[in-house]
C-alpha atoms as a PDB file:
ATOM      1  CA  MET A   1     139.284  90.636  94.917  1.00  0.00           C
ATOM      2  CA  ARG A   2     139.586  92.178  91.520  1.00  0.00           C
ATOM      3  CA  ARG A   3     142.408  90.040  90.036  1.00  0.00           C
ATOM      4  CA  LEU A   4     142.921  86.318  89.892  1.00  0.00           C
ATOM      5  CA  LEU A   5     145.447  84.277  88.024  1.00  0.00           C
ATOM      6  CA  LEU A   6     144.036  80.504  88.295  1.00  0.00           C
ATOM      7  CA  THR A   7     146.461  77.817  87.131  1.00  0.00           C
ATOM      8  CA  SER A   8     146.882  74.226  87.214  1.00  0.00           C
ATOM      9  CA  ALA A   9     150.723  74.255  88.243  1.00  0.00           C
ATOM     10  CA  GLY A  10     151.928  77.799  88.773  1.00  0.00           C
ATOM     11  CA  ALA A  11     153.850  80.014  86.185  1.00  0.00           C
ATOM     12  CA  ARG A  12     155.074  76.989  84.080  1.00  0.00           C
ATOM     13  CA  ASN A  13     155.967  79.138  81.095  1.00  0.00           C
ATOM     14  CA  ALA A  14     156.671  82.414  79.938  1.00  0.00           C
ATOM     15  CA  THR A  15     153.076  83.259  78.789  1.00  0.00           C
ATOM     16  CA  ILE A  16     151.897  82.514  82.300  1.00  0.00           C
ATOM     17  CA  HIS A  17     154.661  84.366  83.718  1.00  0.00           C
ATOM     18  CA  ASP A  18     154.050  87.431  81.517  1.00  0.00           C
ATOM     19  CA  ALA A  19     150.253  87.371  82.679  1.00  0.00           C
ATOM     20  CA  LEU A  20     151.516  87.303  86.287  1.00  0.00           C
ATOM     21  CA  VAL A  21     153.664  90.305  85.698  1.00  0.00           C
ATOM     22  CA  GLY A  22     150.985  92.030  83.915  1.00  0.00           C
ATOM     23  CA  LEU A  23     148.522  91.684  86.950  1.00  0.00           C
ATOM     24  CA  LEU A  24     150.858  93.185  89.479  1.00  0.00           C
ATOM     25  CA  ASP A  25     151.340  96.793  90.045  1.00  0.00           C
ATOM     26  CA  ARG A  26     155.110  96.554  89.899  1.00  0.00           C
ATOM     27  CA  SER A  27     157.933  93.988  89.173  1.00  0.00           C
ATOM     28  CA  ILE A  28     157.891  90.849  91.001  1.00  0.00           C
ATOM     29  CA  GLU A  29     161.296  91.923  92.751  1.00  0.00           C
ATOM     30  CA  ASP A  30     159.382  94.701  94.300  1.00  0.00           C
ATOM     31  CA  CYS A  31     156.410  92.654  95.500  1.00  0.00           C
ATOM     32  CA  THR A  32     155.686  90.962  98.632  1.00  0.00           C
ATOM     33  CA  ALA A  33     153.969  87.601  98.871  1.00  0.00           C
ATOM     34  CA  LEU A  34     152.387  85.042 101.420  1.00  0.00           C
ATOM     35  CA  CYS A  35     152.194  81.491 100.552  1.00  0.00           C
ATOM     36  CA  ILE A  36     149.265  79.489 101.735  1.00  0.00           C
ATOM     37  CA  PRO A  37     149.941  75.594 101.758  1.00  0.00           C
ATOM     38  CA  THR A  38     146.820  74.824 103.749  1.00  0.00           C
ATOM     39  CA  ALA A  39     145.194  72.817 100.902  1.00  0.00           C
ATOM     40  CA  MET A  40     148.155  70.363 100.900  1.00  0.00           C
ATOM     41  CA  TYR A  41     147.253  69.023 104.251  1.00  0.00           C
ATOM     42  CA  GLY A  42     143.758  67.695 103.068  1.00  0.00           C
ATOM     43  CA  HIS A  43     145.168  65.587 100.311  1.00  0.00           C
ATOM     44  CA  PRO A  44     146.689  62.305 100.886  1.00  0.00           C
ATOM     45  CA  HIS A  45     149.303  62.771  98.228  1.00  0.00           C
ATOM     46  CA  ALA A  46     150.268  66.125  98.978  1.00  0.00           C
ATOM     47  CA  GLY A  47     150.793  66.637 102.783  1.00  0.00           C
ATOM     48  CA  PRO A  48     151.701  66.673 105.445  1.00  0.00           C
ATOM     49  CA  GLY A  49     155.522  66.244 105.086  1.00  0.00           C
ATOM     50  CA  GLU A  50     158.039  66.708 102.445  1.00  0.00           C
ATOM     51  CA  HIS A  51     155.892  68.044  99.465  1.00  0.00           C
ATOM     52  CA  VAL A  52     154.662  70.833 101.883  1.00  0.00           C
ATOM     53  CA  TRP A  53     158.105  71.927 102.738  1.00  0.00           C
ATOM     54  CA  GLU A  54     159.180  72.024  98.990  1.00  0.00           C
ATOM     55  CA  PHE A  55     156.222  74.300  98.081  1.00  0.00           C
ATOM     56  CA  VAL A  56     156.879  76.721 101.126  1.00  0.00           C
ATOM     57  CA  ALA A  57     160.703  76.570 100.442  1.00  0.00           C
ATOM     58  CA  GLY A  58     160.244  77.152  96.633  1.00  0.00           C
ATOM     59  CA  ARG A  59     161.643  73.733  95.504  1.00  0.00           C
ATOM     60  CA  SER A  60     158.409  72.337  93.872  1.00  0.00           C
ATOM     61  CA  GLU A  61     157.769  71.748  90.332  1.00  0.00           C
ATOM     62  CA  GLN A  62     155.145  74.381  90.306  1.00  0.00           C
ATOM     63  CA  PRO A  63     156.929  77.794  90.220  1.00  0.00           C
ATOM     64  CA  MET A  64     155.195  80.130  92.584  1.00  0.00           C
ATOM     65  CA  VAL A  65     157.320  80.700  95.809  1.00  0.00           C
ATOM     66  CA  GLU A  66     160.557  80.711  93.822  1.00  0.00           C
ATOM     67  CA  LEU A  67     159.893  83.572  91.325  1.00  0.00           C
ATOM     68  CA  GLY A  68     161.935  86.296  93.054  1.00  0.00           C
ATOM     69  CA  TRP A  69     159.638  88.154  95.254  1.00  0.00           C
ATOM     70  CA  LYS A  70     160.832  90.824  97.517  1.00  0.00           C
ATOM     71  CA  SER A  71     159.841  88.852 100.423  1.00  0.00           C
ATOM     72  CA  VAL A  72     157.744  85.580 101.137  1.00  0.00           C
ATOM     73  CA  GLY A  73     155.773  84.995 104.118  1.00  0.00           C
ATOM     74  CA  LEU A  74     153.955  81.927 105.359  1.00  0.00           C
ATOM     75  CA  LEU A  75     150.064  82.039 106.113  1.00  0.00           C
ATOM     76  CA  GLU A  76     148.727  78.538 107.373  1.00  0.00           C
ATOM     77  CA  LEU A  77     144.843  78.965 107.716  1.00  0.00           C
ATOM     78  CA  THR A  78     144.492  76.291 110.077  1.00  0.00           C
ATOM     79  CA  ALA A  79     146.334  78.185 112.836  1.00  0.00           C
ATOM     80  CA  LEU A  80     144.527  81.475 112.453  1.00  0.00           C
ATOM     81  CA  PRO A  81     141.252  80.832 114.242  1.00  0.00           C
ATOM     82  CA  SER A  82     143.224  80.253 117.507  1.00  0.00           C
ATOM     83  CA  ILE A  83     145.287  83.756 117.272  1.00  0.00           C
ATOM     84  CA  ASP A  84     144.121  87.173 117.486  1.00  0.00           C
ATOM     85  CA  PRO A  85     142.987  88.510 114.072  1.00  0.00           C
ATOM     86  CA  ALA A  86     145.103  91.777 114.680  1.00  0.00           C
ATOM     87  CA  ARG A  87     148.201  89.595 114.333  1.00  0.00           C
ATOM     88  CA  TRP A  88     147.370  88.246 110.723  1.00  0.00           C
ATOM     89  CA  ILE A  89     144.868  90.241 108.946  1.00  0.00           C
ATOM     90  CA  PRO A  90     147.395  93.336 108.595  1.00  0.00           C
ATOM     91  CA  LEU A  91     149.938  90.956 106.598  1.00  0.00           C
ATOM     92  CA  VAL A  92     147.233  89.864 104.250  1.00  0.00           C
ATOM     93  CA  ARG A  93     146.251  93.517 103.765  1.00  0.00           C
ATOM     94  CA  ASP A  94     149.791  94.462 103.053  1.00  0.00           C
ATOM     95  CA  ALA A  95     150.555  91.585 100.826  1.00  0.00           C
ATOM     96  CA  ASP A  96     150.731  92.154  97.026  1.00  0.00           C
ATOM     97  CA  VAL A  97     149.932  88.562  95.958  1.00  0.00           C
ATOM     98  CA  LEU A  98     148.485  85.519  97.767  1.00  0.00           C
ATOM     99  CA  LEU A  99     150.404  82.275  96.452  1.00  0.00           C
ATOM    100  CA  VAL A 100     147.728  79.370  97.139  1.00  0.00           C
ATOM    101  CA  SER A 101     148.985  75.851  96.698  1.00  0.00           C
ATOM    102  CA  GLY A 102     147.103  72.732  95.425  1.00  0.00           C
ATOM    103  CA  GLY A 103     145.964  70.019  97.483  1.00  0.00           C
ATOM    104  CA  ASP A 104     142.328  69.500  98.429  1.00  0.00           C
ATOM    105  CA  ALA A 105     140.084  72.333  97.158  1.00  0.00           C
ATOM    106  CA  LEU A 106     137.149  71.656  99.848  1.00  0.00           C
ATOM    107  CA  TYR A 107     139.672  71.455 102.635  1.00  0.00           C
ATOM    108  CA  LEU A 108     141.101  74.825 101.568  1.00  0.00           C
ATOM    109  CA  CYS A 109     137.464  76.310 101.279  1.00  0.00           C
ATOM    110  CA  HIS A 110     136.500  75.070 104.764  1.00  0.00           C
ATOM    111  CA  TRP A 111     139.559  76.594 106.472  1.00  0.00           C
ATOM    112  CA  MET A 112     139.356  79.896 104.501  1.00  0.00           C
ATOM    113  CA  ARG A 113     135.924  80.242 105.914  1.00  0.00           C
ATOM    114  CA  GLU A 114     136.702  79.024 109.323  1.00  0.00           C
ATOM    115  CA  CYS A 115     139.727  81.462 109.858  1.00  0.00           C
ATOM    116  CA  GLY A 116     137.712  84.424 108.245  1.00  0.00           C
ATOM    117  CA  LEU A 117     139.940  84.971 105.020  1.00  0.00           C
ATOM    118  CA  THR A 118     136.888  84.410 102.829  1.00  0.00           C
ATOM    119  CA  GLU A 119     135.258  87.388 104.542  1.00  0.00           C
ATOM    120  CA  LEU A 120     138.323  89.680 103.958  1.00  0.00           C
ATOM    121  CA  LEU A 121     138.658  88.798 100.135  1.00  0.00           C
ATOM    122  CA  PRO A 122     136.124  91.424  98.878  1.00  0.00           C
ATOM    123  CA  SER A 123     138.176  94.101 100.736  1.00  0.00           C
ATOM    124  CA  LEU A 124     141.529  93.091  99.105  1.00  0.00           C
ATOM    125  CA  GLU A 125     141.076  95.330  95.920  1.00  0.00           C
ATOM    126  CA  ASP A 126     144.865  95.633  95.338  1.00  0.00           C
ATOM    127  CA  THR A 127     145.905  91.981  96.061  1.00  0.00           C
ATOM    128  CA  LEU A 128     146.451  89.259  93.536  1.00  0.00           C
ATOM    129  CA  TRP A 129     145.143  85.734  94.060  1.00  0.00           C
ATOM    130  CA  PHE A 130     147.579  83.453  92.431  1.00  0.00           C
ATOM    131  CA  GLY A 131     146.236  79.786  92.737  1.00  0.00           C
ATOM    132  CA  MET A 132     147.444  76.411  91.767  1.00  0.00           C
ATOM    133  CA  SER A 133     145.179  73.483  91.212  1.00  0.00           C
ATOM    134  CA  ALA A 134     142.996  73.206  94.348  1.00  0.00           C
ATOM    135  CA  GLY A 135     144.118  76.929  94.963  1.00  0.00           C
ATOM    136  CA  SER A 136     142.323  77.837  91.691  1.00  0.00           C
ATOM    137  CA  MET A 137     139.334  75.326  92.086  1.00  0.00           C
ATOM    138  CA  VAL A 138     138.393  76.766  95.359  1.00  0.00           C
ATOM    139  CA  MET A 139     137.216  79.939  93.852  1.00  0.00           C
ATOM    140  CA  ALA A 140     134.505  78.048  91.925  1.00  0.00           C
ATOM    141  CA  PRO A 141     130.738  77.687  92.740  1.00  0.00           C
ATOM    142  CA  ARG A 142     131.571  73.839  92.747  1.00  0.00           C
ATOM    143  CA  VAL A 143     134.543  71.342  92.267  1.00  0.00           C
ATOM    144  CA  GLY A 144     132.535  68.355  91.095  1.00  0.00           C
ATOM    145  CA  LYS A 145     131.902  65.004  92.915  1.00  0.00           C
ATOM    146  CA  GLU A 146     135.129  63.876  90.999  1.00  0.00           C
ATOM    147  CA  PHE A 147     137.334  65.904  93.248  1.00  0.00           C
ATOM    148  CA  VAL A 148     135.802  65.374  96.578  1.00  0.00           C
ATOM    149  CA  GLY A 149     138.434  63.850  98.620  1.00  0.00           C
ATOM    150  CA  TRP A 150     138.249  65.371 102.276  1.00  0.00           C
ATOM    151  CA  VAL A 151     134.527  65.949 102.917  1.00  0.00           C
ATOM    152  CA  PRO A 152     133.224  68.949 104.577  1.00  0.00           C
ATOM    153  CA  PRO A 153     131.199  68.827 107.783  1.00  0.00           C
ATOM    154  CA  ALA A 154     127.921  69.940 105.626  1.00  0.00           C
ATOM    155  CA  GLY A 155     128.945  67.472 102.803  1.00  0.00           C
ATOM    156  CA  GLY A 156     128.608  68.753  99.324  1.00  0.00           C
ATOM    157  CA  ASP A 157     131.212  69.901  96.576  1.00  0.00           C
ATOM    158  CA  HIS A 158     130.641  73.577  96.893  1.00  0.00           C
ATOM    159  CA  GLY A 159     133.505  76.044  96.618  1.00  0.00           C
ATOM    160  CA  LEU A 160     133.590  79.928  97.379  1.00  0.00           C
ATOM    161  CA  GLY A 161     131.746  80.833  94.279  1.00  0.00           C
ATOM    162  CA  LEU A 162     133.835  83.823  93.629  1.00  0.00           C
ATOM    163  CA  VAL A 163     133.871  83.152  90.030  1.00  0.00           C
ATOM    164  CA  ASP A 164     130.970  81.722  87.968  1.00  0.00           C
ATOM    165  CA  PHE A 165     133.101  78.810  86.508  1.00  0.00           C
ATOM    166  CA  SER A 166     134.433  75.661  87.744  1.00  0.00           C
ATOM    167  CA  ILE A 167     137.755  74.187  86.890  1.00  0.00           C
ATOM    168  CA  PHE A 168     139.194  70.646  86.025  1.00  0.00           C
ATOM    169  CA  PRO A 169     142.992  71.017  86.458  1.00  0.00           C
ATOM    170  CA  HIS A 170     145.983  69.019  85.210  1.00  0.00           C
ATOM    171  CA  LEU A 171     144.271  67.939  81.861  1.00  0.00           C
ATOM    172  CA  ASP A 172     145.978  65.152  80.042  1.00  0.00           C
ATOM    173  CA  HIS A 173     148.700  65.007  82.849  1.00  0.00           C
ATOM    174  CA  GLU A 174     150.927  61.753  82.344  1.00  0.00           C
ATOM    175  CA  ASP A 175     150.723  60.848  85.956  1.00  0.00           C
ATOM    176  CA  LEU A 176     146.892  61.226  86.140  1.00  0.00           C
ATOM    177  CA  PRO A 177     145.463  58.745  83.726  1.00  0.00           C
ATOM    178  CA  GLU A 178     141.999  59.966  84.708  1.00  0.00           C
ATOM    179  CA  ASN A 179     142.472  63.396  83.660  1.00  0.00           C
ATOM    180  CA  THR A 180     141.584  63.251  79.983  1.00  0.00           C
ATOM    181  CA  LEU A 181     139.196  65.180  78.130  1.00  0.00           C
ATOM    182  CA  ALA A 182     136.748  62.461  77.938  1.00  0.00           C
ATOM    183  CA  HIS A 183     136.747  62.414  81.884  1.00  0.00           C
ATOM    184  CA  ALA A 184     136.585  66.087  82.055  1.00  0.00           C
ATOM    185  CA  THR A 185     133.567  66.278  79.669  1.00  0.00           C
ATOM    186  CA  ALA A 186     131.861  63.852  81.911  1.00  0.00           C
ATOM    187  CA  TRP A 187     132.716  65.866  84.985  1.00  0.00           C
ATOM    188  CA  ALA A 188     131.663  69.238  83.009  1.00  0.00           C
ATOM    189  CA  ALA A 189     128.118  67.372  82.534  1.00  0.00           C
ATOM    190  CA  GLY A 190     127.521  67.276  86.322  1.00  0.00           C
ATOM    191  CA  ILE A 191     128.780  70.844  87.174  1.00  0.00           C
ATOM    192  CA  ASP A 192     125.411  72.590  86.086  1.00  0.00           C
ATOM    193  CA  GLY A 193     127.497  75.776  84.928  1.00  0.00           C
ATOM    194  CA  PRO A 194     130.300  76.914  82.911  1.00  0.00           C
ATOM    195  CA  SER A 195     133.483  75.263  83.291  1.00  0.00           C
ATOM    196  CA  TYR A 196     137.237  74.844  81.969  1.00  0.00           C
ATOM    197  CA  ALA A 197     139.555  71.993  81.580  1.00  0.00           C
ATOM    198  CA  ILE A 198     143.181  73.333  81.553  1.00  0.00           C
ATOM    199  CA  ASP A 199     146.454  71.737  81.367  1.00  0.00           C
ATOM    200  CA  ASP A 200     149.749  72.641  83.378  1.00  0.00           C
ATOM    201  CA  GLU A 201     150.698  75.101  80.692  1.00  0.00           C
ATOM    202  CA  THR A 202     147.400  77.111  80.971  1.00  0.00           C
ATOM    203  CA  ALA A 203     145.998  79.745  83.171  1.00  0.00           C
ATOM    204  CA  ILE A 204     142.650  81.559  83.570  1.00  0.00           C
ATOM    205  CA  ARG A 205     143.031  85.500  84.240  1.00  0.00           C
ATOM    206  CA  VAL A 206     140.063  87.258  85.721  1.00  0.00           C
ATOM    207  CA  VAL A 207     140.199  90.979  86.118  1.00  0.00           C
ATOM    208  CA  ASP A 208     137.178  92.860  87.360  1.00  0.00           C
ATOM    209  CA  GLY A 209     134.893  89.669  86.526  1.00  0.00           C
ATOM    210  CA  ILE A 210     136.381  89.715  82.779  1.00  0.00           C
ATOM    211  CA  VAL A 211     137.697  86.145  82.035  1.00  0.00           C
ATOM    212  CA  ASP A 212     140.314  84.978  79.611  1.00  0.00           C
ATOM    213  CA  VAL A 213     142.552  82.279  78.918  1.00  0.00           C
ATOM    214  CA  VAL A 214     146.491  82.384  78.647  1.00  0.00           C
ATOM    215  CA  SER A 215     148.107  79.205  77.397  1.00  0.00           C
ATOM    216  CA  GLU A 216     151.102  77.590  75.921  1.00  0.00           C
ATOM    217  CA  GLY A 217     149.313  74.211  76.034  1.00  0.00           C
ATOM    218  CA  HIS A 218     145.667  72.991  75.712  1.00  0.00           C
ATOM    219  CA  TRP A 219     142.304  73.765  77.293  1.00  0.00           C
ATOM    220  CA  HIS A 220     138.543  73.380  76.754  1.00  0.00           C
ATOM    221  CA  ARG A 221     135.613  75.378  77.917  1.00  0.00           C
ATOM    222  CA  PHE A 222     132.231  73.693  78.531  1.00  0.00           C
ATOM    223  CA  ASP A 223     129.045  75.669  78.530  1.00  0.00           C
ATOM    224  CA  VAL A 224     125.954  75.019  80.086  1.00  0.00           C
END
């Protein structure tokens, strides 16, 4: 994929929203989206149940589905290995943007590989990946031991490695007392690679491998 917008909590402010619009080929109202809630099922506080429905229905506190897309479809990765790829791959190819929820990044990573979406991503040159929390972290080489909840069959904390940095989301969130800069600094020390700590008002934009940060909040980059 050529274009990614990696956030903690969706398009929470005008700066992130403008970055999103800038990454699309046309207005949001003219773009088709697929929402992917799979990561939520792997996280004990996110799913299954009410929170998954809120995300899919566009009623969450992380603006993604509810932004006014021309259409929004649902792509549940855990179902895809059991159906003919010809039924879902064209839908992904035709989508302008993939809206990828938070939850458990390693659970999402596992099912992306199991269903074949990971192999498909390099060919989606005109599709935007719009990630939130785990939906952003999954693109990294590693998520860090602090974010290992659901344990992959092979163990470890490895993501897809489609970007060369890792992400510590929800920096200084009032409901997450362990998401301080001090904790992020300790996390970064174990990553063995560049990384970012970002709050919910910040996004990382990646276009053709070029990385920049758009923010109305605060963030920190850690270098090796």
